[in-house]
Amino acid sequence: MRTFVELVISWGPMLLLIGVWIFFMRRSGGLKQGQYIEEVRHYLSDHIVETRRMNANLERIAAALEARQAPPDTSSRNGT
């Protein structure tokens, strides 16, 4: 019996601390799952818009580089 009391006394403060921590975590709640999902959707839609914008810019850059590096027309060299 004595060892059980010592065990409760030694682990009591730690269990109390864990219990208080769980209580405050549940009380604060953070983001509810519905709010979290809506926030993720918002971020993903913003990401898609930004990716499309970046893709359009990269395509313009690639087209400009291809136009700059295009070989000159060979038919004008031959005199035809």
PDB file of N, CA and C in Angstrom:
ATOM      1  N   MET A   1       0.825  -1.186   0.000  1.00  0.00           N
ATOM      2  CA  MET A   1       0.000   0.000   0.000  1.00  0.00           C
ATOM      3  C   MET A   1       0.869   1.250   0.000  1.00  0.00           C
ATOM      4  N   ARG A   2       1.977   1.155   0.705  1.00  0.00           N
ATOM      5  CA  ARG A   2       2.853   2.319   0.807  1.00  0.00           C
ATOM      6  C   ARG A   2       3.451   2.674  -0.550  1.00  0.00           C
ATOM      7  N   THR A   3       3.791   1.676  -1.343  1.00  0.00           N
ATOM      8  CA  THR A   3       4.386   1.957  -2.643  1.00  0.00           C
ATOM      9  C   THR A   3       3.374   2.597  -3.588  1.00  0.00           C
ATOM     10  N   PHE A   4       2.099   2.223  -3.473  1.00  0.00           N
ATOM     11  CA  PHE A   4       1.072   2.834  -4.309  1.00  0.00           C
ATOM     12  C   PHE A   4       0.915   4.316  -3.982  1.00  0.00           C
ATOM     13  N   VAL A   5       0.934   4.658  -2.718  1.00  0.00           N
ATOM     14  CA  VAL A   5       0.816   6.060  -2.300  1.00  0.00           C
ATOM     15  C   VAL A   5       2.028   6.846  -2.782  1.00  0.00           C
ATOM     16  N   GLU A   6       3.197   6.274  -2.660  1.00  0.00           N
ATOM     17  CA  GLU A   6       4.406   6.950  -3.145  1.00  0.00           C
ATOM     18  C   GLU A   6       4.345   7.149  -4.661  1.00  0.00           C
ATOM     19  N   LEU A   7       3.826   6.158  -5.357  1.00  0.00           N
ATOM     20  CA  LEU A   7       3.692   6.263  -6.808  1.00  0.00           C
ATOM     21  C   LEU A   7       2.735   7.388  -7.196  1.00  0.00           C
ATOM     22  N   VAL A   8       1.606   7.465  -6.517  1.00  0.00           N
ATOM     23  CA  VAL A   8       0.633   8.523  -6.810  1.00  0.00           C
ATOM     24  C   VAL A   8       1.216   9.885  -6.475  1.00  0.00           C
ATOM     25  N   ILE A   9       1.915   9.991  -5.370  1.00  0.00           N
ATOM     26  CA  ILE A   9       2.505  11.273  -4.978  1.00  0.00           C
ATOM     27  C   ILE A   9       3.606  11.677  -5.957  1.00  0.00           C
ATOM     28  N   SER A  10       4.389  10.718  -6.414  1.00  0.00           N
ATOM     29  CA  SER A  10       5.484  11.075  -7.314  1.00  0.00           C
ATOM     30  C   SER A  10       4.979  11.421  -8.720  1.00  0.00           C
ATOM     31  N   TRP A  11       3.967  10.733  -9.213  1.00  0.00           N
ATOM     32  CA  TRP A  11       3.452  10.992 -10.559  1.00  0.00           C
ATOM     33  C   TRP A  11       2.286  11.978 -10.580  1.00  0.00           C
ATOM     34  N   GLY A  12       1.742  12.300  -9.443  1.00  0.00           N
ATOM     35  CA  GLY A  12       0.590  13.206  -9.362  1.00  0.00           C
ATOM     36  C   GLY A  12       0.804  14.555 -10.022  1.00  0.00           C
ATOM     37  N   PRO A  13       1.876  15.270  -9.669  1.00  0.00           N
ATOM     38  CA  PRO A  13       2.076  16.584 -10.297  1.00  0.00           C
ATOM     39  C   PRO A  13       2.231  16.505 -11.820  1.00  0.00           C
ATOM     40  N   MET A  14       2.897  15.484 -12.302  1.00  0.00           N
ATOM     41  CA  MET A  14       3.069  15.348 -13.747  1.00  0.00           C
ATOM     42  C   MET A  14       1.731  15.074 -14.422  1.00  0.00           C
ATOM     43  N   LEU A  15       0.926  14.187 -13.855  1.00  0.00           N
ATOM     44  CA  LEU A  15      -0.388  13.902 -14.422  1.00  0.00           C
ATOM     45  C   LEU A  15      -1.296  15.125 -14.353  1.00  0.00           C
ATOM     46  N   LEU A  16      -1.192  15.891 -13.281  1.00  0.00           N
ATOM     47  CA  LEU A  16      -1.965  17.127 -13.161  1.00  0.00           C
ATOM     48  C   LEU A  16      -1.547  18.124 -14.238  1.00  0.00           C
ATOM     49  N   LEU A  17      -0.265  18.252 -14.448  1.00  0.00           N
ATOM     50  CA  LEU A  17       0.235  19.156 -15.480  1.00  0.00           C
ATOM     51  C   LEU A  17      -0.261  18.736 -16.866  1.00  0.00           C
ATOM     52  N   ILE A  18      -0.216  17.454 -17.159  1.00  0.00           N
ATOM     53  CA  ILE A  18      -0.707  16.954 -18.444  1.00  0.00           C
ATOM     54  C   ILE A  18      -2.207  17.204 -18.571  1.00  0.00           C
ATOM     55  N   GLY A  19      -2.950  16.981 -17.505  1.00  0.00           N
ATOM     56  CA  GLY A  19      -4.392  17.223 -17.527  1.00  0.00           C
ATOM     57  C   GLY A  19      -4.735  18.684 -17.768  1.00  0.00           C
ATOM     58  N   VAL A  20      -4.019  19.586 -17.106  1.00  0.00           N
ATOM     59  CA  VAL A  20      -4.255  21.020 -17.304  1.00  0.00           C
ATOM     60  C   VAL A  20      -3.906  21.412 -18.734  1.00  0.00           C
ATOM     61  N   TRP A  21      -2.828  20.868 -19.257  1.00  0.00           N
ATOM     62  CA  TRP A  21      -2.428  21.174 -20.633  1.00  0.00           C
ATOM     63  C   TRP A  21      -3.505  20.713 -21.626  1.00  0.00           C
ATOM     64  N   ILE A  22      -4.018  19.503 -21.445  1.00  0.00           N
ATOM     65  CA  ILE A  22      -5.075  18.988 -22.324  1.00  0.00           C
ATOM     66  C   ILE A  22      -6.327  19.847 -22.207  1.00  0.00           C
ATOM     67  N   PHE A  23      -6.673  20.259 -20.990  1.00  0.00           N
ATOM     68  CA  PHE A  23      -7.843  21.109 -20.779  1.00  0.00           C
ATOM     69  C   PHE A  23      -7.724  22.409 -21.562  1.00  0.00           C
ATOM     70  N   PHE A  24      -6.589  23.072 -21.453  1.00  0.00           N
ATOM     71  CA  PHE A  24      -6.425  24.348 -22.147  1.00  0.00           C
ATOM     72  C   PHE A  24      -6.341  24.171 -23.665  1.00  0.00           C
ATOM     73  N   MET A  25      -5.766  23.077 -24.113  1.00  0.00           N
ATOM     74  CA  MET A  25      -5.708  22.833 -25.554  1.00  0.00           C
ATOM     75  C   MET A  25      -7.111  22.625 -26.127  1.00  0.00           C
ATOM     76  N   ARG A  26      -7.947  21.896 -25.422  1.00  0.00           N
ATOM     77  CA  ARG A  26      -9.315  21.685 -25.894  1.00  0.00           C
ATOM     78  C   ARG A  26     -10.143  22.955 -25.777  1.00  0.00           C
ATOM     79  N   ARG A  27      -9.882  23.731 -24.753  1.00  0.00           N
ATOM     80  CA  ARG A  27     -10.643  24.964 -24.539  1.00  0.00           C
ATOM     81  C   ARG A  27     -10.317  25.996 -25.609  1.00  0.00           C
ATOM     82  N   SER A  28      -9.039  26.137 -25.933  1.00  0.00           N
ATOM     83  CA  SER A  28      -8.660  27.115 -26.948  1.00  0.00           C
ATOM     84  C   SER A  28      -9.140  26.664 -28.319  1.00  0.00           C
ATOM     85  N   GLY A  29      -9.140  25.384 -28.566  1.00  0.00           N
ATOM     86  CA  GLY A  29      -9.717  24.838 -29.784  1.00  0.00           C
ATOM     87  C   GLY A  29      -8.901  25.036 -31.032  1.00  0.00           C
ATOM     88  N   GLY A  30      -8.192  26.140 -31.132  1.00  0.00           N
ATOM     89  CA  GLY A  30      -7.468  26.407 -32.368  1.00  0.00           C
ATOM     90  C   GLY A  30      -8.442  26.528 -33.516  1.00  0.00           C
ATOM     91  N   LEU A  31      -8.064  26.069 -34.674  1.00  0.00           N
ATOM     92  CA  LEU A  31      -8.960  26.068 -35.824  1.00  0.00           C
ATOM     93  C   LEU A  31      -9.827  24.818 -35.780  1.00  0.00           C
ATOM     94  N   LYS A  32     -11.087  25.003 -36.008  1.00  0.00           N
ATOM     95  CA  LYS A  32     -11.965  23.851 -36.142  1.00  0.00           C
ATOM     96  C   LYS A  32     -11.670  23.200 -37.487  1.00  0.00           C
ATOM     97  N   GLN A  33     -12.069  21.962 -37.643  1.00  0.00           N
ATOM     98  CA  GLN A  33     -11.716  21.231 -38.858  1.00  0.00           C
ATOM     99  C   GLN A  33     -12.322  21.881 -40.097  1.00  0.00           C
ATOM    100  N   GLY A  34     -13.543  22.372 -40.015  1.00  0.00           N
ATOM    101  CA  GLY A  34     -14.162  23.030 -41.159  1.00  0.00           C
ATOM    102  C   GLY A  34     -13.421  24.289 -41.556  1.00  0.00           C
ATOM    103  N   GLN A  35     -12.995  25.060 -40.569  1.00  0.00           N
ATOM    104  CA  GLN A  35     -12.230  26.269 -40.854  1.00  0.00           C
ATOM    105  C   GLN A  35     -10.889  25.902 -41.478  1.00  0.00           C
ATOM    106  N   TYR A  36     -10.288  24.847 -40.989  1.00  0.00           N
ATOM    107  CA  TYR A  36      -8.996  24.414 -41.511  1.00  0.00           C
ATOM    108  C   TYR A  36      -9.119  24.015 -42.974  1.00  0.00           C
ATOM    109  N   ILE A  37     -10.147  23.247 -43.302  1.00  0.00           N
ATOM    110  CA  ILE A  37     -10.334  22.796 -44.678  1.00  0.00           C
ATOM    111  C   ILE A  37     -10.591  23.988 -45.589  1.00  0.00           C
ATOM    112  N   GLU A  38     -11.387  24.946 -45.134  1.00  0.00           N
ATOM    113  CA  GLU A  38     -11.667  26.132 -45.942  1.00  0.00           C
ATOM    114  C   GLU A  38     -10.399  26.947 -46.171  1.00  0.00           C
ATOM    115  N   GLU A  39      -9.563  27.045 -45.149  1.00  0.00           N
ATOM    116  CA  GLU A  39      -8.304  27.775 -45.295  1.00  0.00           C
ATOM    117  C   GLU A  39      -7.372  27.077 -46.283  1.00  0.00           C
ATOM    118  N   VAL A  40      -7.324  25.757 -46.241  1.00  0.00           N
ATOM    119  CA  VAL A  40      -6.496  24.997 -47.182  1.00  0.00           C
ATOM    120  C   VAL A  40      -7.002  25.198 -48.606  1.00  0.00           C
ATOM    121  N   ARG A  41      -8.317  25.186 -48.797  1.00  0.00           N
ATOM    122  CA  ARG A  41      -8.877  25.424 -50.137  1.00  0.00           C
ATOM    123  C   ARG A  41      -8.484  26.802 -50.653  1.00  0.00           C
ATOM    124  N   HIS A  42      -8.553  27.788 -49.780  1.00  0.00           N
ATOM    125  CA  HIS A  42      -8.196  29.151 -50.175  1.00  0.00           C
ATOM    126  C   HIS A  42      -6.729  29.216 -50.603  1.00  0.00           C
ATOM    127  N   TYR A  43      -5.847  28.631 -49.804  1.00  0.00           N
ATOM    128  CA  TYR A  43      -4.424  28.644 -50.142  1.00  0.00           C
ATOM    129  C   TYR A  43      -4.146  27.881 -51.436  1.00  0.00           C
ATOM    130  N   LEU A  44      -4.828  26.758 -51.634  1.00  0.00           N
ATOM    131  CA  LEU A  44      -4.614  25.982 -52.854  1.00  0.00           C
ATOM    132  C   LEU A  44      -5.105  26.732 -54.084  1.00  0.00           C
ATOM    133  N   SER A  45      -6.241  27.406 -53.980  1.00  0.00           N
ATOM    134  CA  SER A  45      -6.717  28.168 -55.138  1.00  0.00           C
ATOM    135  C   SER A  45      -5.768  29.322 -55.440  1.00  0.00           C
ATOM    136  N   ASP A  46      -5.246  29.982 -54.408  1.00  0.00           N
ATOM    137  CA  ASP A  46      -4.244  31.032 -54.632  1.00  0.00           C
ATOM    138  C   ASP A  46      -2.986  30.459 -55.274  1.00  0.00           C
ATOM    139  N   HIS A  47      -2.601  29.265 -54.854  1.00  0.00           N
ATOM    140  CA  HIS A  47      -1.410  28.619 -55.404  1.00  0.00           C
ATOM    141  C   HIS A  47      -1.610  28.289 -56.883  1.00  0.00           C
ATOM    142  N   ILE A  48      -2.800  27.825 -57.237  1.00  0.00           N
ATOM    143  CA  ILE A  48      -3.085  27.498 -58.635  1.00  0.00           C
ATOM    144  C   ILE A  48      -3.028  28.749 -59.497  1.00  0.00           C
ATOM    145  N   VAL A  49      -3.605  29.844 -59.015  1.00  0.00           N
ATOM    146  CA  VAL A  49      -3.572  31.104 -59.764  1.00  0.00           C
ATOM    147  C   VAL A  49      -2.133  31.561 -59.961  1.00  0.00           C
ATOM    148  N   GLU A  50      -1.342  31.500 -58.905  1.00  0.00           N
ATOM    149  CA  GLU A  50       0.058  31.929 -58.995  1.00  0.00           C
ATOM    150  C   GLU A  50       0.853  31.023 -59.929  1.00  0.00           C
ATOM    151  N   THR A  51       0.586  29.721 -59.903  1.00  0.00           N
ATOM    152  CA  THR A  51       1.286  28.790 -60.785  1.00  0.00           C
ATOM    153  C   THR A  51       0.952  29.069 -62.248  1.00  0.00           C
ATOM    154  N   ARG A  52      -0.310  29.353 -62.532  1.00  0.00           N
ATOM    155  CA  ARG A  52      -0.693  29.681 -63.912  1.00  0.00           C
ATOM    156  C   ARG A  52      -0.033  30.974 -64.370  1.00  0.00           C
ATOM    157  N   ARG A  53       0.022  31.969 -63.502  1.00  0.00           N
ATOM    158  CA  ARG A  53       0.667  33.232 -63.848  1.00  0.00           C
ATOM    159  C   ARG A  53       2.152  33.011 -64.135  1.00  0.00           C
ATOM    160  N   MET A  54       2.801  32.223 -63.282  1.00  0.00           N
ATOM    161  CA  MET A  54       4.220  31.941 -63.466  1.00  0.00           C
ATOM    162  C   MET A  54       4.451  31.143 -64.750  1.00  0.00           C
ATOM    163  N   ASN A  55       3.563  30.205 -65.053  1.00  0.00           N
ATOM    164  CA  ASN A  55       3.691  29.416 -66.272  1.00  0.00           C
ATOM    165  C   ASN A  55       3.569  30.307 -67.505  1.00  0.00           C
ATOM    166  N   ALA A  56       2.637  31.248 -67.496  1.00  0.00           N
ATOM    167  CA  ALA A  56       2.488  32.166 -68.630  1.00  0.00           C
ATOM    168  C   ALA A  56       3.747  33.011 -68.803  1.00  0.00           C
ATOM    169  N   ASN A  57       4.302  33.483 -67.705  1.00  0.00           N
ATOM    170  CA  ASN A  57       5.538  34.274 -67.789  1.00  0.00           C
ATOM    171  C   ASN A  57       6.700  33.440 -68.317  1.00  0.00           C
ATOM    172  N   LEU A  58       6.815  32.212 -67.866  1.00  0.00           N
ATOM    173  CA  LEU A  58       7.897  31.343 -68.341  1.00  0.00           C
ATOM    174  C   LEU A  58       7.738  31.018 -69.825  1.00  0.00           C
ATOM    175  N   GLU A  59       6.504  30.835 -70.282  1.00  0.00           N
ATOM    176  CA  GLU A  59       6.289  30.592 -71.705  1.00  0.00           C
ATOM    177  C   GLU A  59       6.684  31.810 -72.531  1.00  0.00           C
ATOM    178  N   ARG A  60       6.384  33.003 -72.053  1.00  0.00           N
ATOM    179  CA  ARG A  60       6.800  34.219 -72.762  1.00  0.00           C
ATOM    180  C   ARG A  60       8.315  34.326 -72.813  1.00  0.00           C
ATOM    181  N   ILE A  61       8.975  34.012 -71.711  1.00  0.00           N
ATOM    182  CA  ILE A  61      10.443  34.061 -71.685  1.00  0.00           C
ATOM    183  C   ILE A  61      11.023  33.034 -72.651  1.00  0.00           C
ATOM    184  N   ALA A  62      10.461  31.822 -72.654  1.00  0.00           N
ATOM    185  CA  ALA A  62      10.954  30.775 -73.555  1.00  0.00           C
ATOM    186  C   ALA A  62      10.757  31.180 -75.011  1.00  0.00           C
ATOM    187  N   ALA A  63       9.623  31.768 -75.333  1.00  0.00           N
ATOM    188  CA  ALA A  63       9.377  32.204 -76.711  1.00  0.00           C
ATOM    189  C   ALA A  63      10.358  33.303 -77.112  1.00  0.00           C
ATOM    190  N   ALA A  64      10.648  34.225 -76.188  1.00  0.00           N
ATOM    191  CA  ALA A  64      11.604  35.296 -76.493  1.00  0.00           C
ATOM    192  C   ALA A  64      12.998  34.728 -76.710  1.00  0.00           C
ATOM    193  N   LEU A  65      13.401  33.757 -75.897  1.00  0.00           N
ATOM    194  CA  LEU A  65      14.720  33.144 -76.063  1.00  0.00           C
ATOM    195  C   LEU A  65      14.806  32.353 -77.363  1.00  0.00           C
ATOM    196  N   GLU A  66      13.745  31.648 -77.715  1.00  0.00           N
ATOM    197  CA  GLU A  66      13.743  30.901 -78.974  1.00  0.00           C
ATOM    198  C   GLU A  66      13.816  31.853 -80.161  1.00  0.00           C
ATOM    199  N   ALA A  67      13.127  32.966 -80.085  1.00  0.00           N
ATOM    200  CA  ALA A  67      13.167  33.940 -81.180  1.00  0.00           C
ATOM    201  C   ALA A  67      14.557  34.550 -81.302  1.00  0.00           C
ATOM    202  N   ARG A  68      15.203  34.753 -80.181  1.00  0.00           N
ATOM    203  CA  ARG A  68      16.542  35.345 -80.195  1.00  0.00           C
ATOM    204  C   ARG A  68      17.564  34.365 -80.763  1.00  0.00           C
ATOM    205  N   GLN A  69      17.407  33.068 -80.498  1.00  0.00           N
ATOM    206  CA  GLN A  69      18.386  32.070 -80.923  1.00  0.00           C
ATOM    207  C   GLN A  69      18.022  31.391 -82.233  1.00  0.00           C
ATOM    208  N   ALA A  70      16.959  31.811 -82.887  1.00  0.00           N
ATOM    209  CA  ALA A  70      16.551  31.174 -84.142  1.00  0.00           C
ATOM    210  C   ALA A  70      17.627  31.412 -85.194  1.00  0.00           C
ATOM    211  N   PRO A  71      17.980  30.367 -85.970  1.00  0.00           N
ATOM    212  CA  PRO A  71      19.008  30.544 -87.008  1.00  0.00           C
ATOM    213  C   PRO A  71      18.484  31.485 -88.088  1.00  0.00           C
ATOM    214  N   PRO A  72      19.365  32.240 -88.696  1.00  0.00           N
ATOM    215  CA  PRO A  72      18.917  33.138 -89.767  1.00  0.00           C
ATOM    216  C   PRO A  72      18.368  32.343 -90.938  1.00  0.00           C
ATOM    217  N   ASP A  73      17.547  32.972 -91.710  1.00  0.00           N
ATOM    218  CA  ASP A  73      16.921  32.321 -92.859  1.00  0.00           C
ATOM    219  C   ASP A  73      17.991  31.958 -93.886  1.00  0.00           C
ATOM    220  N   THR A  74      18.115  30.676 -94.244  1.00  0.00           N
ATOM    221  CA  THR A  74      19.167  30.217 -95.161  1.00  0.00           C
ATOM    222  C   THR A  74      18.839  30.524 -96.607  1.00  0.00           C
ATOM    223  N   SER A  75      17.584  30.750 -96.944  1.00  0.00           N
ATOM    224  CA  SER A  75      17.242  31.029 -98.338  1.00  0.00           C
ATOM    225  C   SER A  75      17.792  32.374 -98.782  1.00  0.00           C
ATOM    226  N   SER A  76      17.949  33.325 -97.887  1.00  0.00           N
ATOM    227  CA  SER A  76      18.493  34.626 -98.271  1.00  0.00           C
ATOM    228  C   SER A  76      20.002  34.537 -98.491  1.00  0.00           C
ATOM    229  N   ARG A  77      20.681  33.576 -97.895  1.00  0.00           N
ATOM    230  CA  ARG A  77      22.126  33.417 -98.086  1.00  0.00           C
ATOM    231  C   ARG A  77      22.452  32.895 -99.481  1.00  0.00           C
ATOM    232  N   ASN A  78      21.615  32.009 -99.973  1.00  0.00           N
ATOM    233  CA  ASN A  78      21.881  31.401-101.276  1.00  0.00           C
ATOM    234  C   ASN A  78      21.528  32.328-102.429  1.00  0.00           C
ATOM    235  N   GLY A  79      20.943  33.431-102.125  1.00  0.00           N
ATOM    236  CA  GLY A  79      20.603  34.372-103.165  1.00  0.00           C
ATOM    237  C   GLY A  79      19.325  34.024-103.887  1.00  0.00           C
ATOM    238  N   THR A  80      18.522  33.144-103.344  1.00  0.00           N
ATOM    239  CA  THR A  80      17.264  32.792-103.993  1.00  0.00           C
ATOM    240  C   THR A  80      16.089  33.475-103.396  1.00  0.00           C
TER     241      THR A  80
END
